[in-house]
Amino acid sequence: MTPDIRKERLARQIASMVPQGKRVESQSDYQAVLVQGKPVNHVLHLLISLFTLGAWVIVWLVLVFAGGEKREIVSVDEFGNVTVARV
């Protein structure tokens, strides 16, 4: 597989994932890291937890484990096969 075809396949895969709400965090010739979601604002949740006397801690923990940013690595091997793996 030629390098240009591999790069084109990576670009096509990235282009199909961006409309799903994912953004490119980093990219090389044959590999890219895509991120979806937003980081949890720990300072804000700490302040809310203090004001609610700890009741907000449950919500905060749910956001830490279920929310936040999700990363995927998209890569193209030497045969032109595209793989997507969650990190």
Protein backbone atom coordinates (compact mmCIF):
# COMPACT_ATOMS: atom_id res chain seq x y z
CA MET A 1 0.00 0.00 0.00
CA THR A 2 1.43 3.37 -0.95
CA PRO A 3 1.93 6.06 1.72
CA ASP A 4 -0.48 8.42 -0.04
CA ILE A 5 -3.28 5.86 -0.02
CA ARG A 6 -2.70 5.14 3.66
CA LYS A 7 -2.83 8.85 4.47
CA GLU A 8 -6.00 9.25 2.41
CA ARG A 9 -7.70 6.37 4.23
CA LEU A 10 -6.81 7.90 7.58
CA ALA A 11 -8.15 11.27 6.46
CA ARG A 12 -11.38 9.66 5.23
CA GLN A 13 -11.88 7.85 8.55
CA ILE A 14 -11.26 11.04 10.53
CA ALA A 15 -13.67 12.95 8.30
CA SER A 16 -16.38 10.36 9.02
CA MET A 17 -15.84 10.61 12.79
CA VAL A 18 -15.74 14.41 13.19
CA PRO A 19 -19.48 14.90 12.47
CA GLN A 20 -20.17 12.52 15.39
CA GLY A 21 -18.83 15.18 17.77
CA LYS A 22 -15.23 13.97 17.92
CA ARG A 23 -12.24 16.27 17.50
CA VAL A 24 -8.65 15.56 16.54
CA GLU A 25 -6.29 15.87 19.50
CA SER A 26 -3.14 14.82 17.65
CA GLN A 27 -2.27 13.32 14.28
CA SER A 28 0.72 11.82 12.50
CA ASP A 29 0.95 10.35 9.00
CA TYR A 30 -0.75 7.04 9.83
CA GLN A 31 -2.29 7.57 13.27
CA ALA A 32 -4.60 10.04 15.01
CA VAL A 33 -6.07 10.49 18.47
CA LEU A 34 -9.68 11.68 18.55
CA VAL A 35 -11.48 12.98 21.64
CA GLN A 36 -15.17 13.20 22.39
CA GLY A 37 -16.74 15.01 25.33
CA LYS A 38 -15.51 17.67 27.69
CA PRO A 39 -13.28 17.37 30.74
CA VAL A 40 -14.93 17.40 34.14
CA ASN A 41 -14.56 20.75 35.90
CA HIS A 42 -13.37 19.51 39.29
CA VAL A 43 -13.11 22.98 40.86
CA LEU A 44 -16.74 23.75 40.07
CA HIS A 45 -17.93 20.40 41.43
CA LEU A 46 -15.85 20.85 44.58
CA LEU A 47 -17.48 24.23 45.22
CA ILE A 48 -20.97 22.84 44.59
CA SER A 49 -20.20 19.92 46.92
CA LEU A 50 -19.13 22.33 49.65
CA PHE A 51 -22.26 24.46 49.25
CA THR A 52 -24.55 21.40 49.33
CA LEU A 53 -22.71 19.92 52.32
CA GLY A 54 -21.47 16.94 50.31
CA ALA A 55 -24.73 15.97 48.61
CA TRP A 56 -23.29 16.84 45.18
CA VAL A 57 -20.42 14.36 45.59
CA ILE A 58 -22.59 11.55 44.17
CA VAL A 59 -23.24 13.52 40.98
CA TRP A 60 -19.57 14.43 40.77
CA LEU A 61 -18.51 10.77 41.02
CA VAL A 62 -20.97 9.77 38.31
CA LEU A 63 -19.53 12.43 36.02
CA VAL A 64 -15.96 11.34 36.75
CA PHE A 65 -16.61 7.71 35.88
CA ALA A 66 -19.27 8.01 33.16
CA GLY A 67 -18.65 11.45 31.67
CA GLY A 68 -15.57 13.36 30.74
CA GLU A 69 -13.43 12.85 27.68
CA LYS A 70 -13.26 9.60 25.74
CA ARG A 71 -10.28 8.98 23.46
CA GLU A 72 -9.91 6.77 20.41
CA ILE A 73 -6.81 5.96 18.37
CA VAL A 74 -7.36 5.65 14.64
CA SER A 75 -4.53 4.00 12.73
CA VAL A 76 -3.80 2.63 9.27
CA ASP A 77 -1.46 -0.33 8.97
CA GLU A 78 0.92 -1.08 6.10
CA PHE A 79 -1.84 -3.01 4.27
CA GLY A 80 -4.26 -0.06 4.40
CA ASN A 81 -6.51 -1.52 7.11
CA VAL A 82 -8.06 1.13 9.35
CA THR A 83 -8.48 0.30 13.03
CA VAL A 84 -10.18 2.30 15.78
CA ALA A 85 -9.30 1.48 19.38
CA ARG A 86 -10.58 3.08 22.57
CA VAL A 87 -7.95 4.23 25.00
